[in-house]
């Protein structure tokens, strides 16, 4: 099965994009090859740009607080913290301790900003263009890892908080077994408080879902998976798939 997630708000889009970028950074930083660290640094700059919206920190803190408040009264009366309560509290504390604007320490580093600017130019980080960057890429693996860890350290609480919130969102869901007849599926019973849709489809079908959704209507159109054009032709066969509806809130309007 291959999973496709479809956010239903700009806030969730930002969360998913940042989760993707932090995952990519963590995957590349562990490889000793200098080109892996070139990719990691480029991803670090993407994280900085993607999270530059002023409201992001407030959005995260508000959702962390909402999730803490939604823990049941029965659990609170036990006078014992659940692991999730502890995680929410710790994520809030870690994020609040970051006083500076997101990525400010990177923007104040003239060398990093010079590298970032040259990365926008095709071939702009060639050794003759940026000899100091070429020198950095040849440093021992441990030194480069330490530098990358230092540069991302104050951004990590944001990534950790987003990861926690998305874990809660994905878990709080209902799943439907569905069939897209001749590649089309429609649903008019999507809950009013759904924040994200997830489509799981067998990879053997070689298909991609195109999802259009709001609180009143959901339309999923399956097209051929192809790398020859931006949009493949619509599938004209029946496609079985699983539709998952995810929410930060208790799901009341169940289809």
Protein backbone atom coordinates (compact mmCIF):
# COMPACT_ATOMS: atom_id res chain seq x y z
CA UNK A 1 0.00 0.00 0.00
CA UNK A 2 1.07 3.56 -0.66
CA UNK A 3 -0.31 6.43 1.42
CA UNK A 4 -1.34 9.85 0.13
CA UNK A 5 -2.22 12.58 2.64
CA UNK A 6 -4.41 15.56 1.76
CA UNK A 7 -4.52 18.48 4.23
CA UNK A 8 -7.75 20.47 4.42
CA UNK A 9 -6.28 23.73 5.75
CA UNK A 10 -3.22 25.88 5.22
CA UNK A 11 -2.12 25.22 8.79
CA UNK A 12 -1.97 21.44 8.23
CA UNK A 13 -0.22 22.00 4.88
CA UNK A 14 2.53 23.89 6.68
CA UNK A 15 2.80 21.20 9.36
CA UNK A 16 3.14 18.45 6.74
CA UNK A 17 5.69 20.37 4.68
CA UNK A 18 7.86 21.00 7.73
CA UNK A 19 7.57 17.38 8.88
CA UNK A 20 8.72 16.31 5.41
CA UNK A 21 11.68 18.70 5.50
CA UNK A 22 12.80 17.73 9.02
CA UNK A 23 12.60 14.04 8.01
CA UNK A 24 14.71 14.72 4.93
CA UNK A 25 17.28 16.65 6.98
CA UNK A 26 17.57 13.85 9.54
CA UNK A 27 17.93 11.25 6.78
CA UNK A 28 20.74 13.05 4.95
CA UNK A 29 22.73 14.34 7.92
CA UNK A 30 23.61 10.81 9.06
CA UNK A 31 25.47 9.93 5.84
CA UNK A 32 29.23 10.63 5.80
CA UNK A 33 29.35 11.62 2.12
CA UNK A 34 29.92 15.39 1.69
CA UNK A 35 27.15 15.55 -0.91
CA UNK A 36 24.69 14.25 1.67
CA UNK A 37 25.63 17.20 3.88
CA UNK A 38 25.27 19.53 0.91
CA UNK A 39 21.69 18.22 0.60
CA UNK A 40 21.17 18.53 4.37
CA UNK A 41 22.26 22.17 4.34
CA UNK A 42 19.94 22.92 1.42
CA UNK A 43 17.10 21.30 3.38
CA UNK A 44 17.99 23.42 6.42
CA UNK A 45 17.52 26.54 4.29
CA UNK A 46 14.15 25.19 3.08
CA UNK A 47 13.06 24.66 6.70
CA UNK A 48 14.06 28.23 7.51
CA UNK A 49 12.03 29.63 4.61
CA UNK A 50 9.02 27.34 5.11
CA UNK A 51 8.71 28.23 8.80
CA UNK A 52 9.25 31.96 8.43
CA UNK A 53 5.54 32.74 8.83
CA UNK A 54 5.13 34.74 12.03
CA UNK A 55 1.99 32.89 13.16
CA UNK A 56 3.52 29.41 13.00
CA UNK A 57 4.79 29.30 16.59
CA UNK A 58 1.48 30.64 17.90
CA UNK A 59 -0.46 28.07 15.83
CA UNK A 60 1.62 25.25 17.29
CA UNK A 61 1.38 26.48 20.89
CA UNK A 62 -2.38 26.94 20.62
CA UNK A 63 -2.88 23.43 19.25
CA UNK A 64 -0.63 21.92 21.91
CA UNK A 65 -2.72 23.65 24.57
CA UNK A 66 -5.98 22.51 22.94
CA UNK A 67 -4.78 18.93 22.95
CA UNK A 68 -3.81 19.16 26.61
CA UNK A 69 -7.27 20.46 27.44
CA UNK A 70 -8.96 17.67 25.49
CA UNK A 71 -7.51 14.96 27.71
CA UNK A 72 -10.49 13.44 29.46
CA UNK A 73 -11.57 14.53 32.93
CA UNK A 74 -11.29 10.93 34.08
CA UNK A 75 -7.60 10.86 33.21
CA UNK A 76 -6.98 14.17 34.93
CA UNK A 77 -8.71 13.00 38.11
CA UNK A 78 -6.25 10.14 38.44
CA UNK A 79 -3.61 12.71 39.45
CA UNK A 80 -1.22 10.89 37.17
CA UNK A 81 0.25 12.28 33.99
CA UNK A 82 -0.11 10.07 30.94
CA UNK A 83 2.90 9.85 28.60
CA UNK A 84 1.00 11.97 26.09
CA UNK A 85 0.36 14.68 28.68
CA UNK A 86 4.06 14.71 29.44
CA UNK A 87 4.93 14.92 25.74
CA UNK A 88 2.54 17.83 25.18
CA UNK A 89 3.86 19.67 28.21
CA UNK A 90 7.49 19.11 27.25
CA UNK A 91 6.88 20.19 23.64
CA UNK A 92 5.25 23.39 24.89
CA UNK A 93 8.10 24.13 27.29
CA UNK A 94 10.79 23.48 24.68
CA UNK A 95 9.08 25.73 22.14
CA UNK A 96 8.52 28.56 24.62
CA UNK A 97 12.20 28.50 25.59
CA UNK A 98 13.16 29.51 22.04
CA UNK A 99 13.06 33.28 22.38
CA UNK A 100 14.43 34.38 19.03
CA UNK A 101 12.55 34.50 15.74
CA UNK A 102 12.56 31.19 13.88
CA UNK A 103 15.86 30.85 12.01
CA UNK A 104 17.18 34.23 13.17
CA UNK A 105 20.57 32.77 14.10
CA UNK A 106 20.90 31.46 10.54
CA UNK A 107 19.99 34.78 8.97
CA UNK A 108 22.62 36.50 11.10
CA UNK A 109 25.34 34.13 9.85
CA UNK A 110 26.74 35.88 6.78
CA UNK A 111 28.62 32.79 5.61
CA UNK A 112 25.48 30.62 5.67
CA UNK A 113 23.43 33.28 3.89
CA UNK A 114 26.14 33.52 1.25
CA UNK A 115 25.94 29.77 0.67
CA UNK A 116 22.14 29.95 0.58
CA UNK A 117 22.24 32.66 -2.06
CA UNK A 118 24.68 30.71 -4.23
CA UNK A 119 22.49 27.60 -4.00
CA UNK A 120 19.85 29.53 -5.94
CA UNK A 121 22.26 29.71 -8.90
CA UNK A 122 22.72 26.61 -11.07
CA UNK A 123 26.18 25.32 -10.23
CA UNK A 124 26.65 28.29 -7.93
CA UNK A 125 28.38 26.32 -5.18
CA UNK A 126 31.23 25.11 -7.39
CA UNK A 127 34.61 25.13 -5.60
CA UNK A 128 35.87 28.17 -7.53
CA UNK A 129 32.67 30.09 -6.67
CA UNK A 130 32.67 29.23 -2.97
CA UNK A 131 36.10 27.98 -1.88
CA UNK A 132 35.17 28.32 1.81
CA UNK A 133 32.15 26.06 1.25
CA UNK A 134 34.32 23.58 -0.65
CA UNK A 135 36.67 23.62 2.34
CA UNK A 136 33.78 22.96 4.75
CA UNK A 137 32.57 19.99 2.70
CA UNK A 138 36.05 18.45 3.01
CA UNK A 139 36.12 18.72 6.81
CA UNK A 140 35.88 15.48 8.82
CA UNK A 141 32.40 13.97 9.03
CA UNK A 142 32.19 14.60 12.78
CA UNK A 143 32.91 18.31 12.36
CA UNK A 144 30.27 18.74 9.67
CA UNK A 145 27.70 16.87 11.76
CA UNK A 146 28.50 19.08 14.75
CA UNK A 147 28.05 22.22 12.64
CA UNK A 148 24.74 21.03 11.18
CA UNK A 149 23.54 20.05 14.65
CA UNK A 150 24.42 23.50 15.97
CA UNK A 151 22.61 25.25 13.11
CA UNK A 152 19.40 23.26 13.47
CA UNK A 153 19.32 23.05 17.27
CA UNK A 154 16.98 25.99 17.92
CA UNK A 155 14.68 24.80 15.11
CA UNK A 156 14.31 21.29 16.52
CA UNK A 157 11.60 22.14 19.13
CA UNK A 158 9.37 23.30 16.27
CA UNK A 159 9.95 20.07 14.35
CA UNK A 160 9.37 17.93 17.45
CA UNK A 161 6.11 19.74 18.31
CA UNK A 162 4.80 19.37 14.75
CA UNK A 163 5.72 15.68 14.75
CA UNK A 164 3.79 15.17 18.00
CA UNK A 165 0.71 17.02 16.73
CA UNK A 166 0.64 15.11 13.45
CA UNK A 167 0.99 11.83 15.35
CA UNK A 168 -2.12 12.79 17.35
CA UNK A 169 -3.94 13.87 14.19
CA UNK A 170 -3.22 10.63 12.33
CA UNK A 171 -4.24 8.51 15.29
CA UNK A 172 -7.56 10.30 15.88
CA UNK A 173 -9.26 9.04 12.75
CA UNK A 174 -11.91 6.83 11.23
CA UNK A 175 -11.21 4.51 8.31
CA UNK A 176 -13.55 3.55 5.47
CA UNK A 177 -13.17 0.76 2.91
CA UNK A 178 -14.10 2.41 -0.39
CA UNK A 179 -14.38 1.67 -4.10
CA UNK A 180 -13.76 4.24 -6.81
CA UNK A 181 -16.00 3.10 -9.64
CA UNK A 182 -14.31 3.73 -12.97
CA UNK A 183 -11.72 5.72 -11.06
CA UNK A 184 -14.17 8.12 -9.36
CA UNK A 185 -15.32 8.38 -5.75
CA UNK A 186 -17.65 10.92 -4.14
CA UNK A 187 -18.68 11.39 -0.53
CA UNK A 188 -21.09 14.01 0.79
CA UNK A 189 -20.82 12.93 4.43
CA UNK A 190 -17.40 14.22 5.37
CA UNK A 191 -17.39 15.34 9.00
CA UNK A 192 -17.38 19.09 9.59
CA UNK A 193 -14.30 18.92 11.84
CA UNK A 194 -12.03 16.82 9.62
CA UNK A 195 -8.56 18.31 9.17
CA UNK A 196 -6.89 15.79 6.86
CA UNK A 197 -7.76 12.94 4.51
CA UNK A 198 -5.56 9.93 3.88
CA UNK A 199 -5.89 7.58 0.91
CA UNK A 200 -4.23 4.14 1.03
CA UNK A 201 -4.15 2.34 -2.32
CA UNK A 202 -2.27 -0.75 -3.48
CA UNK A 203 0.85 0.20 -5.41
CA UNK A 204 0.03 -2.56 -7.91
CA UNK A 205 -2.77 -0.36 -9.29
CA UNK A 206 -0.17 2.17 -10.54
CA UNK A 207 -2.48 5.06 -9.77
CA UNK A 208 -2.53 8.44 -8.03
CA UNK A 209 -5.50 10.05 -6.26
CA UNK A 210 -6.45 13.63 -7.11
CA UNK A 211 -8.41 14.85 -4.08
CA UNK A 212 -10.82 17.78 -3.89
CA UNK A 213 -12.51 18.18 -0.53
CA UNK A 214 -14.28 20.55 1.82
CA UNK A 215 -16.62 20.00 4.76
CA UNK A 216 -19.56 19.37 2.41
CA UNK A 217 -18.14 17.25 -0.40
CA UNK A 218 -15.24 14.96 -1.23
CA UNK A 219 -14.25 13.94 -4.76
CA UNK A 220 -11.37 11.57 -5.46
CA UNK A 221 -10.28 10.95 -9.04
CA UNK A 222 -7.70 8.26 -9.73
CA UNK A 223 -5.25 8.81 -12.58
CA UNK A 224 -2.43 6.74 -14.03
CA UNK A 225 0.89 7.11 -12.25
CA UNK A 226 3.31 8.37 -14.88
CA UNK A 227 6.52 10.33 -15.06
CA UNK A 228 5.88 11.43 -18.66
CA UNK A 229 3.44 14.25 -17.90
CA UNK A 230 2.28 16.28 -14.87
CA UNK A 231 -1.16 14.63 -14.95
CA UNK A 232 -1.86 11.09 -16.02
CA UNK A 233 -4.97 9.85 -17.79
CA UNK A 234 -7.96 9.01 -15.63
CA UNK A 235 -8.31 5.37 -14.65
CA UNK A 236 -11.46 3.75 -16.08
CA UNK A 237 -11.40 0.65 -13.87
CA UNK A 238 -12.68 0.19 -10.32
CA UNK A 239 -10.06 1.01 -7.68
CA UNK A 240 -10.44 -0.29 -4.10
CA UNK A 241 -8.85 1.94 -1.48
CA UNK A 242 -8.99 2.97 2.17
CA UNK A 243 -10.07 6.49 3.10
CA UNK A 244 -9.05 7.78 6.50
CA UNK A 245 -10.54 10.94 8.00
CA UNK A 246 -8.29 12.59 10.59
CA UNK A 247 -9.11 15.31 13.10
CA UNK A 248 -7.59 17.10 16.08
CA UNK A 249 -11.08 17.04 17.64
CA UNK A 250 -13.43 14.19 18.57
CA UNK A 251 -15.06 13.05 15.32
CA UNK A 252 -18.79 13.46 15.84
CA UNK A 253 -20.25 13.33 12.30
CA UNK A 254 -19.27 9.81 11.34
CA UNK A 255 -20.22 8.70 7.80
